[in-house]
Amino acid sequence: MVIKKEHASQPSTAAAVAVDDSERRVFDRYDVEWAVDCVASDTFLYASITNISEMGIFVRTTEPLRLNTKLRLSFAPPGAEPFKLEGVVAWVNCVRENGDNPNPGMGIKFIDLKLEERERLVEVIRTIAYLRELPLYD
C-alpha cells in the first residue's frame, strides 16, 4: 500500500538499473517475509521485505521509488527488537506491461548504520542462517 503526500512520478521501465551481480551479491541474502514501512519525503510505502543481507533488503512492491531516494525503514524480525534504519534505493525492478517480471520491487542499501545497529543486524542475519542450517528431524 502506498500513501503519497503529493504526486511523485513513478520510475519507468527505462529507470530500472542493471547492477553488476557481483556488486549486488557481496553479502549472503536470506529469504524472509517481513512487513516494512518505508518513508521518503513525499511517500509512505507499506510493503514486504522478501530478502535481507547485512547491507540491505529487497522490498517487494509494484510501485518502487526512484533510484537514489533516501528513506527511513521500520521493520521487526520475529523475536527481535524493531529496526529503524536509513536506506537508499540502489536498484529497481519495475513491473513490466507484458507480465514477464514475477518479482517487482526495489533493492535498498542501508546507509549511515551506527555500530550497534550493524552489530544487531548481523546477529539477526546469523540467527536466520543458523536456523536454516539446522537438520530437520521427524
C-alpha atoms as a PDB file:
ATOM      1  CA  MET A   1       0.000   0.000   0.000  1.00  0.00           C
ATOM      2  CA  VAL A   2       1.406   3.389  -0.977  1.00  0.00           C
ATOM      3  CA  ILE A   3       0.237   6.657   0.518  1.00  0.00           C
ATOM      4  CA  LYS A   4       1.588   9.773  -1.098  1.00  0.00           C
ATOM      5  CA  LYS A   5       1.535  13.255   0.396  1.00  0.00           C
ATOM      6  CA  GLU A   6       1.911  14.721  -3.047  1.00  0.00           C
ATOM      7  CA  HIS A   7       2.272  13.314  -6.537  1.00  0.00           C
ATOM      8  CA  ALA A   8       5.675  11.819  -7.280  1.00  0.00           C
ATOM      9  CA  SER A   9       6.182  10.329 -10.702  1.00  0.00           C
ATOM     10  CA  GLN A  10       6.980   6.634 -10.695  1.00  0.00           C
ATOM     11  CA  PRO A  11      10.038   5.252 -12.448  1.00  0.00           C
ATOM     12  CA  SER A  12       9.554   3.973 -15.951  1.00  0.00           C
ATOM     13  CA  THR A  13      10.868   0.646 -17.142  1.00  0.00           C
ATOM     14  CA  ALA A  14      13.844   2.564 -18.507  1.00  0.00           C
ATOM     15  CA  ALA A  15      14.650   3.665 -14.943  1.00  0.00           C
ATOM     16  CA  ALA A  16      15.328   0.082 -13.882  1.00  0.00           C
ATOM     17  CA  VAL A  17      19.008  -0.377 -13.240  1.00  0.00           C
ATOM     18  CA  ALA A  18      21.019  -3.425 -14.152  1.00  0.00           C
ATOM     19  CA  VAL A  19      23.602  -3.525 -11.374  1.00  0.00           C
ATOM     20  CA  ASP A  20      26.523  -5.909 -11.771  1.00  0.00           C
ATOM     21  CA  ASP A  21      25.510  -9.141  -9.979  1.00  0.00           C
ATOM     22  CA  SER A  22      28.897  -9.402  -8.276  1.00  0.00           C
ATOM     23  CA  GLU A  23      28.295  -5.992  -6.689  1.00  0.00           C
ATOM     24  CA  ARG A  24      24.773  -6.933  -5.572  1.00  0.00           C
ATOM     25  CA  ARG A  25      25.752 -10.279  -4.072  1.00  0.00           C
ATOM     26  CA  VAL A  26      28.746  -9.449  -1.876  1.00  0.00           C
ATOM     27  CA  PHE A  27      26.754 -10.462   1.224  1.00  0.00           C
ATOM     28  CA  ASP A  28      24.647 -13.602   1.554  1.00  0.00           C
ATOM     29  CA  ARG A  29      20.929 -12.954   1.224  1.00  0.00           C
ATOM     30  CA  TYR A  30      18.261 -14.781   3.182  1.00  0.00           C
ATOM     31  CA  ASP A  31      14.637 -15.113   2.170  1.00  0.00           C
ATOM     32  CA  VAL A  32      12.235 -13.643   4.710  1.00  0.00           C
ATOM     33  CA  GLU A  33       8.688 -12.387   4.699  1.00  0.00           C
ATOM     34  CA  TRP A  34       8.521  -9.358   6.976  1.00  0.00           C
ATOM     35  CA  ALA A  35       6.398  -6.228   6.848  1.00  0.00           C
ATOM     36  CA  VAL A  36       8.284  -2.978   6.330  1.00  0.00           C
ATOM     37  CA  ASP A  37       7.294   0.675   6.439  1.00  0.00           C
ATOM     38  CA  CYS A  38       9.294   2.859   4.062  1.00  0.00           C
ATOM     39  CA  VAL A  39       9.039   6.615   4.499  1.00  0.00           C
ATOM     40  CA  ALA A  40      10.508   9.007   1.938  1.00  0.00           C
ATOM     41  CA  SER A  41       9.999  12.761   1.837  1.00  0.00           C
ATOM     42  CA  ASP A  42       6.691  12.520  -0.042  1.00  0.00           C
ATOM     43  CA  THR A  43       5.716   8.849   0.189  1.00  0.00           C
ATOM     44  CA  PHE A  44       4.706   6.271   2.782  1.00  0.00           C
ATOM     45  CA  LEU A  45       5.064   2.718   1.464  1.00  0.00           C
ATOM     46  CA  TYR A  46       3.790  -0.305   3.392  1.00  0.00           C
ATOM     47  CA  ALA A  47       5.294  -3.389   1.771  1.00  0.00           C
ATOM     48  CA  SER A  48       7.156  -6.662   2.387  1.00  0.00           C
ATOM     49  CA  ILE A  49      10.804  -7.500   2.703  1.00  0.00           C
ATOM     50  CA  THR A  50      11.447 -10.668   0.713  1.00  0.00           C
ATOM     51  CA  ASN A  51      15.151 -10.999   1.425  1.00  0.00           C
ATOM     52  CA  ILE A  52      17.764  -9.432   3.654  1.00  0.00           C
ATOM     53  CA  SER A  53      21.545  -9.239   3.862  1.00  0.00           C
ATOM     54  CA  GLU A  54      23.917  -7.444   6.191  1.00  0.00           C
ATOM     55  CA  MET A  55      23.882  -4.416   3.918  1.00  0.00           C
ATOM     56  CA  GLY A  56      20.367  -4.206   2.515  1.00  0.00           C
ATOM     57  CA  ILE A  57      16.921  -5.569   1.759  1.00  0.00           C
ATOM     58  CA  PHE A  58      14.696  -6.273  -1.205  1.00  0.00           C
ATOM     59  CA  VAL A  59      11.273  -4.679  -0.875  1.00  0.00           C
ATOM     60  CA  ARG A  60       8.573  -6.278  -2.989  1.00  0.00           C
ATOM     61  CA  THR A  61       6.291  -3.612  -4.423  1.00  0.00           C
ATOM     62  CA  THR A  62       4.594  -2.813  -7.701  1.00  0.00           C
ATOM     63  CA  GLU A  63       5.298   0.885  -7.072  1.00  0.00           C
ATOM     64  CA  PRO A  64       9.038   1.183  -6.383  1.00  0.00           C
ATOM     65  CA  LEU A  65      10.543   4.543  -5.516  1.00  0.00           C
ATOM     66  CA  ARG A  66      13.036   6.347  -7.737  1.00  0.00           C
ATOM     67  CA  LEU A  67      16.713   5.396  -7.726  1.00  0.00           C
ATOM     68  CA  ASN A  68      18.765   7.134  -5.040  1.00  0.00           C
ATOM     69  CA  THR A  69      15.668   8.006  -2.997  1.00  0.00           C
ATOM     70  CA  LYS A  70      16.608   8.167   0.667  1.00  0.00           C
ATOM     71  CA  LEU A  71      14.113   6.625   3.054  1.00  0.00           C
ATOM     72  CA  ARG A  72      13.527   5.587   6.635  1.00  0.00           C
ATOM     73  CA  LEU A  73      12.843   1.865   7.122  1.00  0.00           C
ATOM     74  CA  SER A  74      10.949   0.322  10.017  1.00  0.00           C
ATOM     75  CA  PHE A  75      10.700  -3.462  10.344  1.00  0.00           C
ATOM     76  CA  ALA A  76      10.588  -6.039  13.114  1.00  0.00           C
ATOM     77  CA  PRO A  77      12.084  -9.502  12.627  1.00  0.00           C
ATOM     78  CA  PRO A  78      10.221 -12.185  14.600  1.00  0.00           C
ATOM     79  CA  GLY A  79      11.572 -12.388  18.142  1.00  0.00           C
ATOM     80  CA  ALA A  80      13.792  -9.317  17.770  1.00  0.00           C
ATOM     81  CA  GLU A  81      13.546  -5.654  18.621  1.00  0.00           C
ATOM     82  CA  PRO A  82      12.284  -3.499  15.726  1.00  0.00           C
ATOM     83  CA  PHE A  83      14.788  -1.802  13.448  1.00  0.00           C
ATOM     84  CA  LYS A  84      14.560   1.821  12.349  1.00  0.00           C
ATOM     85  CA  LEU A  85      17.243   2.301   9.705  1.00  0.00           C
ATOM     86  CA  GLU A  86      18.135   4.676   6.904  1.00  0.00           C
ATOM     87  CA  GLY A  87      18.412   3.398   3.346  1.00  0.00           C
ATOM     88  CA  VAL A  88      18.681   4.430  -0.264  1.00  0.00           C
ATOM     89  CA  VAL A  89      17.093   2.856  -3.349  1.00  0.00           C
ATOM     90  CA  ALA A  90      20.054   1.153  -5.040  1.00  0.00           C
ATOM     91  CA  TRP A  91      18.210  -0.575  -7.882  1.00  0.00           C
ATOM     92  CA  VAL A  92      14.687  -1.026  -9.196  1.00  0.00           C
ATOM     93  CA  ASN A  93      12.921  -3.988 -10.771  1.00  0.00           C
ATOM     94  CA  CYS A  94       9.829  -2.409 -12.363  1.00  0.00           C
ATOM     95  CA  VAL A  95       6.548  -4.070 -13.235  1.00  0.00           C
ATOM     96  CA  ARG A  96       6.506  -4.829 -16.951  1.00  0.00           C
ATOM     97  CA  GLU A  97       3.398  -4.476 -19.071  1.00  0.00           C
ATOM     98  CA  ASN A  98       3.913  -7.880 -20.708  1.00  0.00           C
ATOM     99  CA  GLY A  99       3.948  -9.546 -17.263  1.00  0.00           C
ATOM    100  CA  ASP A 100       7.341 -11.217 -17.603  1.00  0.00           C
ATOM    101  CA  ASN A 101       8.565  -9.864 -14.250  1.00  0.00           C
ATOM    102  CA  PRO A 102       7.363 -12.006 -11.338  1.00  0.00           C
ATOM    103  CA  ASN A 103       9.466 -10.115  -8.770  1.00  0.00           C
ATOM    104  CA  PRO A 104       8.893  -6.351  -8.943  1.00  0.00           C
ATOM    105  CA  GLY A 105      10.354  -4.131  -6.262  1.00  0.00           C
ATOM    106  CA  MET A 106      13.478  -2.316  -5.189  1.00  0.00           C
ATOM    107  CA  GLY A 107      16.816  -3.064  -3.627  1.00  0.00           C
ATOM    108  CA  ILE A 108      17.503  -0.882  -0.616  1.00  0.00           C
ATOM    109  CA  LYS A 109      21.048  -0.349   0.627  1.00  0.00           C
ATOM    110  CA  PHE A 110      21.396   0.509   4.306  1.00  0.00           C
ATOM    111  CA  ILE A 111      23.210   3.797   4.907  1.00  0.00           C
ATOM    112  CA  ASP A 112      24.571   5.573   7.969  1.00  0.00           C
ATOM    113  CA  LEU A 113      24.390   2.416  10.124  1.00  0.00           C
ATOM    114  CA  LYS A 114      25.544   3.020  13.673  1.00  0.00           C
ATOM    115  CA  LEU A 115      27.850   0.371  15.094  1.00  0.00           C
ATOM    116  CA  GLU A 116      25.200  -1.014  17.461  1.00  0.00           C
ATOM    117  CA  GLU A 117      22.626  -1.183  14.613  1.00  0.00           C
ATOM    118  CA  ARG A 118      25.108  -3.005  12.399  1.00  0.00           C
ATOM    119  CA  GLU A 119      26.005  -5.487  15.147  1.00  0.00           C
ATOM    120  CA  ARG A 120      22.345  -6.194  15.932  1.00  0.00           C
ATOM    121  CA  LEU A 121      21.541  -6.609  12.230  1.00  0.00           C
ATOM    122  CA  VAL A 122      24.457  -9.020  11.782  1.00  0.00           C
ATOM    123  CA  GLU A 123      23.212 -11.013  14.793  1.00  0.00           C
ATOM    124  CA  VAL A 124      19.712 -11.313  13.272  1.00  0.00           C
ATOM    125  CA  ILE A 125      21.204 -12.407   9.934  1.00  0.00           C
ATOM    126  CA  ARG A 126      23.411 -15.003  11.656  1.00  0.00           C
ATOM    127  CA  THR A 127      20.400 -16.331  13.564  1.00  0.00           C
ATOM    128  CA  ILE A 128      18.472 -16.734  10.309  1.00  0.00           C
ATOM    129  CA  ALA A 129      21.437 -18.518   8.719  1.00  0.00           C
ATOM    130  CA  TYR A 130      21.897 -20.796  11.723  1.00  0.00           C
ATOM    131  CA  LEU A 131      18.227 -21.771  11.898  1.00  0.00           C
ATOM    132  CA  ARG A 132      18.151 -22.567   8.175  1.00  0.00           C
ATOM    133  CA  GLU A 133      21.150 -24.876   8.537  1.00  0.00           C
ATOM    134  CA  LEU A 134      19.635 -26.973  11.332  1.00  0.00           C
ATOM    135  CA  PRO A 135      18.777 -30.525  10.220  1.00  0.00           C
ATOM    136  CA  LEU A 136      15.108 -31.457  10.131  1.00  0.00           C
ATOM    137  CA  TYR A 137      14.071 -34.383  12.287  1.00  0.00           C
ATOM    138  CA  ASP A 138      10.791 -36.278  12.033  1.00  0.00           C
END
